[in-house]
Protein backbone atom coordinates (compact mmCIF):
# COMPACT_ATOMS: atom_id res chain seq x y z
CA MET A 1 -28.90 -41.82 -111.97
CA ILE A 2 -30.42 -42.96 -108.35
CA GLN A 3 -33.70 -44.67 -108.86
CA HIS A 4 -36.56 -43.92 -105.82
CA ARG A 5 -39.20 -46.59 -105.47
CA ALA A 6 -41.50 -44.78 -104.02
CA THR A 7 -41.33 -40.56 -103.74
CA SER A 8 -43.42 -40.08 -100.67
CA ALA A 9 -44.52 -41.38 -97.40
CA ASP A 10 -48.24 -42.23 -98.69
CA ASP A 11 -46.43 -43.86 -102.11
CA ARG A 12 -44.04 -46.42 -100.16
CA ALA A 13 -47.33 -47.00 -97.95
CA GLY A 14 -49.39 -47.82 -101.03
CA THR A 15 -46.61 -50.55 -102.63
CA ILE A 16 -46.00 -51.65 -98.89
CA MET A 17 -50.33 -52.08 -99.09
CA ARG A 18 -49.96 -53.51 -102.08
CA ALA A 19 -46.99 -55.79 -101.40
CA ALA A 20 -48.68 -57.33 -98.47
CA LEU A 21 -51.97 -57.80 -100.33
CA ASP A 22 -48.93 -59.76 -102.74
CA VAL A 23 -47.93 -62.10 -100.39
CA ALA A 24 -50.76 -62.61 -98.51
CA LEU A 25 -52.28 -64.00 -101.95
CA GLU A 26 -49.44 -66.15 -102.73
CA ALA A 27 -48.08 -67.27 -99.62
CA GLY A 28 -51.00 -67.37 -97.33
CA TYR A 29 -52.44 -65.63 -93.85
CA ALA A 30 -50.29 -67.59 -92.26
CA ARG A 31 -47.18 -67.26 -94.22
CA LEU A 32 -47.30 -63.48 -94.32
CA SER A 33 -44.69 -61.92 -92.61
CA ILE A 34 -43.07 -58.55 -91.88
CA GLU A 35 -39.64 -59.35 -93.30
CA ALA A 36 -41.44 -60.59 -96.56
CA VAL A 37 -43.31 -57.80 -97.47
CA ALA A 38 -41.21 -55.46 -96.79
CA ALA A 39 -38.43 -57.34 -99.64
CA ARG A 40 -41.23 -57.54 -101.56
CA ALA A 41 -41.71 -53.59 -101.51
CA GLY A 42 -38.43 -52.95 -101.73
CA VAL A 43 -37.97 -51.39 -98.25
CA GLY A 44 -36.62 -51.85 -94.68
CA LYS A 45 -38.59 -54.27 -92.52
CA HIS A 46 -37.92 -50.59 -90.19
CA ALA A 47 -39.93 -48.92 -93.07
CA VAL A 48 -43.27 -51.14 -92.64
CA TYR A 49 -43.08 -51.25 -88.69
CA ARG A 50 -42.84 -47.92 -88.38
CA ARG A 51 -46.71 -47.20 -89.61
CA TRP A 52 -47.41 -51.37 -88.08
CA THR A 53 -46.49 -52.90 -85.30
CA SER A 54 -48.18 -56.31 -86.66
CA LYS A 55 -48.66 -58.58 -90.07
CA GLY A 56 -52.42 -58.02 -88.91
CA LEU A 57 -52.12 -54.72 -88.56
CA LEU A 58 -51.09 -54.52 -92.23
CA PHE A 59 -52.97 -56.82 -94.08
CA LEU A 60 -56.21 -54.72 -92.52
CA ASP A 61 -54.60 -52.17 -93.37
CA SER A 62 -54.21 -53.12 -97.17
CA ILE A 63 -57.07 -54.63 -97.56
CA LEU A 64 -59.19 -51.75 -96.59
CA SER A 65 -57.19 -49.03 -98.48
CA LEU A 66 -57.55 -50.81 -101.60
CA ASN A 67 -60.61 -52.52 -101.70
CA GLU A 68 -63.41 -49.73 -99.48
CA PRO A 69 -64.95 -48.36 -101.99
CA ALA A 70 -66.63 -51.65 -103.25
CA LEU A 71 -68.72 -51.94 -99.33
CA ASP A 72 -70.24 -48.10 -99.73
CA TYR A 73 -73.93 -48.22 -100.06
CA PRO A 74 -76.38 -46.79 -102.73
CA ASP A 75 -79.04 -45.18 -101.92
CA THR A 76 -81.77 -45.31 -104.69
CA GLY A 77 -84.61 -45.29 -102.44
CA ASP A 78 -85.04 -48.62 -102.01
CA VAL A 79 -83.90 -49.70 -98.57
CA ARG A 80 -83.79 -52.92 -98.95
CA ALA A 81 -82.87 -53.50 -102.58
CA ASP A 82 -79.66 -51.19 -100.91
CA LEU A 83 -78.55 -53.65 -98.18
CA ARG A 84 -79.14 -56.07 -100.35
CA HIS A 85 -76.35 -54.26 -103.11
CA GLN A 86 -73.55 -53.47 -100.45
CA ILE A 87 -74.10 -56.88 -99.33
CA HIS A 88 -73.76 -58.50 -101.76
CA ALA A 89 -70.63 -56.56 -102.19
CA ALA A 90 -69.50 -57.28 -99.21
CA VAL A 91 -69.79 -61.01 -99.79
CA ASP A 92 -68.77 -61.22 -103.53
CA LEU A 93 -65.60 -59.42 -101.80
CA LEU A 94 -64.61 -60.77 -98.94
CA GLY A 95 -66.68 -64.05 -99.23
CA ALA A 96 -64.94 -66.11 -101.24
CA PRO A 97 -61.14 -66.89 -102.39
CA PRO A 98 -59.12 -65.09 -102.87
CA TRP A 99 -60.64 -63.10 -99.78
CA GLY A 100 -62.11 -65.08 -97.88
CA PRO A 101 -59.75 -67.65 -96.32
CA LEU A 102 -57.83 -64.58 -95.62
CA TYR A 103 -60.42 -62.38 -93.35
CA ARG A 104 -61.31 -65.88 -91.83
CA ALA A 105 -57.27 -65.88 -91.23
CA LEU A 106 -57.47 -61.86 -90.02
CA LEU A 107 -60.56 -62.35 -88.02
CA GLY A 108 -58.90 -65.68 -86.05
CA GLU A 109 -55.88 -63.09 -85.44
CA ALA A 110 -58.23 -60.56 -83.96
CA GLN A 111 -59.12 -63.31 -81.07
CA HIS A 112 -55.94 -63.48 -79.99
CA ASP A 113 -54.16 -60.16 -81.02
CA PRO A 114 -56.10 -56.64 -79.10
CA ALA A 115 -54.56 -54.27 -82.20
CA VAL A 116 -55.85 -56.24 -84.16
CA ALA A 117 -58.84 -56.36 -82.91
CA ALA A 118 -59.55 -52.55 -81.64
CA GLY A 119 -58.27 -51.83 -85.74
CA LEU A 120 -60.47 -54.55 -87.08
CA VAL A 121 -63.55 -52.39 -85.05
CA GLU A 122 -62.40 -49.42 -85.48
CA ARG A 123 -61.74 -49.23 -89.20
CA PHE A 124 -64.16 -52.06 -90.56
CA ILE A 125 -66.70 -52.86 -88.31
CA ARG A 126 -67.55 -49.73 -87.00
CA PRO A 127 -67.38 -48.00 -90.53
CA GLN A 128 -69.85 -50.46 -92.37
CA ALA A 129 -72.29 -50.32 -88.85
CA GLU A 130 -72.33 -46.33 -88.88
CA LYS A 131 -73.26 -46.18 -92.55
CA THR A 132 -76.03 -49.15 -92.57
CA GLU A 133 -77.42 -47.41 -89.24
CA ALA A 134 -77.23 -44.23 -91.62
CA ARG A 135 -79.12 -45.74 -94.47
CA LEU A 136 -81.75 -46.87 -92.15
CA ARG A 137 -82.07 -44.16 -90.07
CA THR A 138 -82.61 -42.35 -94.01
CA ALA A 139 -85.20 -45.45 -94.39
CA ARG A 140 -87.22 -44.79 -91.62
CA GLU A 141 -86.77 -40.89 -91.96
CA GLN A 142 -89.02 -41.55 -95.61
CA GLY A 143 -91.49 -44.34 -93.24
CA GLN A 144 -89.83 -47.28 -95.15
CA VAL A 145 -89.53 -49.00 -91.64
CA SER A 146 -90.49 -48.60 -87.95
CA ALA A 147 -90.29 -45.87 -86.32
CA ASP A 148 -89.22 -47.54 -83.48
CA PHE A 149 -87.36 -50.38 -84.78
CA ASP A 150 -83.53 -50.18 -82.64
CA LEU A 151 -81.26 -49.10 -85.71
CA ASP A 152 -78.19 -50.98 -83.12
CA LEU A 153 -79.88 -53.81 -83.40
CA ALA A 154 -80.59 -54.15 -86.71
CA MET A 155 -77.35 -54.19 -87.38
CA SER A 156 -76.85 -57.00 -84.85
CA ILE A 157 -79.69 -59.42 -86.11
CA LEU A 158 -78.37 -58.34 -90.16
CA SER A 159 -74.27 -59.42 -89.62
CA GLY A 160 -74.64 -62.33 -87.05
CA PRO A 161 -76.15 -64.66 -89.38
CA LEU A 162 -73.67 -63.86 -91.94
CA TYR A 163 -70.50 -64.27 -89.38
CA PHE A 164 -71.78 -67.09 -87.81
CA GLN A 165 -72.13 -69.15 -90.73
CA PHE A 166 -68.55 -67.68 -92.22
CA MET A 167 -66.89 -68.13 -89.39
CA ILE A 168 -68.90 -71.02 -87.40
CA THR A 169 -69.81 -73.33 -89.97
CA GLN A 170 -68.00 -71.61 -92.48
CA GLU A 171 -70.63 -73.15 -95.02
CA PRO A 172 -70.31 -70.30 -98.18
CA VAL A 173 -72.34 -67.15 -97.53
CA THR A 174 -74.23 -66.69 -100.68
CA HIS A 175 -76.18 -64.01 -102.16
CA ALA A 176 -79.86 -66.64 -101.26
CA TYR A 177 -78.17 -66.75 -97.66
CA VAL A 178 -78.11 -63.20 -97.81
CA ASP A 179 -81.22 -62.86 -98.98
CA ARG A 180 -82.71 -64.98 -96.96
CA VAL A 181 -81.17 -63.27 -94.07
CA LEU A 182 -82.78 -59.59 -95.47
CA ASP A 183 -85.71 -61.11 -95.99
CA ALA A 184 -86.07 -61.48 -91.68
CA LEU A 185 -84.67 -59.04 -90.73
CA PHE A 186 -87.23 -57.23 -92.58
CA ALA A 187 -90.50 -58.99 -91.83
CA GLY A 188 -89.41 -56.88 -87.88
CA LEU A 189 -88.13 -53.95 -89.33
CA GLY A 190 -90.89 -53.01 -91.54
CA PRO A 191 -93.34 -50.02 -90.73
CA ARG A 192 -96.57 -51.07 -88.34
CA PRO A 193 -99.30 -51.29 -89.57
């Protein structure tokens, strides 16, 4: 009897992505390799390269495919609470070990690999920005934020300090820091009297 590890392309992709996360968690991002992932997944490396052209893209898809639902916005009717909830979830997921150092390494790789940078923007940054802008747009329609506030700018103002602390100073991005950033944002975002 022949044993099959994965019955479909989607099953195989899931197996490969789980293997990529396991290898990265055990060995670190610098030692993540297509060969190690293929061996862990029980597939040939050509099966990995057929879908992903680099370890950075594989790792990006692995993180997003297995963890993306945790970064969705609630809509409780209180935009500040909803932003706080979502950003706290992102900080909890990506700001601390084991994911924090791996995500930081992926962001570093994006600085040298245009395909990883494009994938990161297309698959993570832009969708998160669109979710944030959609939530802010709803809040604007409900009168919770100023009608003339630039929502594109709001996303930059919101994420800039978080990435600065995460990547440049490499200080922990805590819930208290997120709350300070939100306080500063809402000082300018709130409805005008």
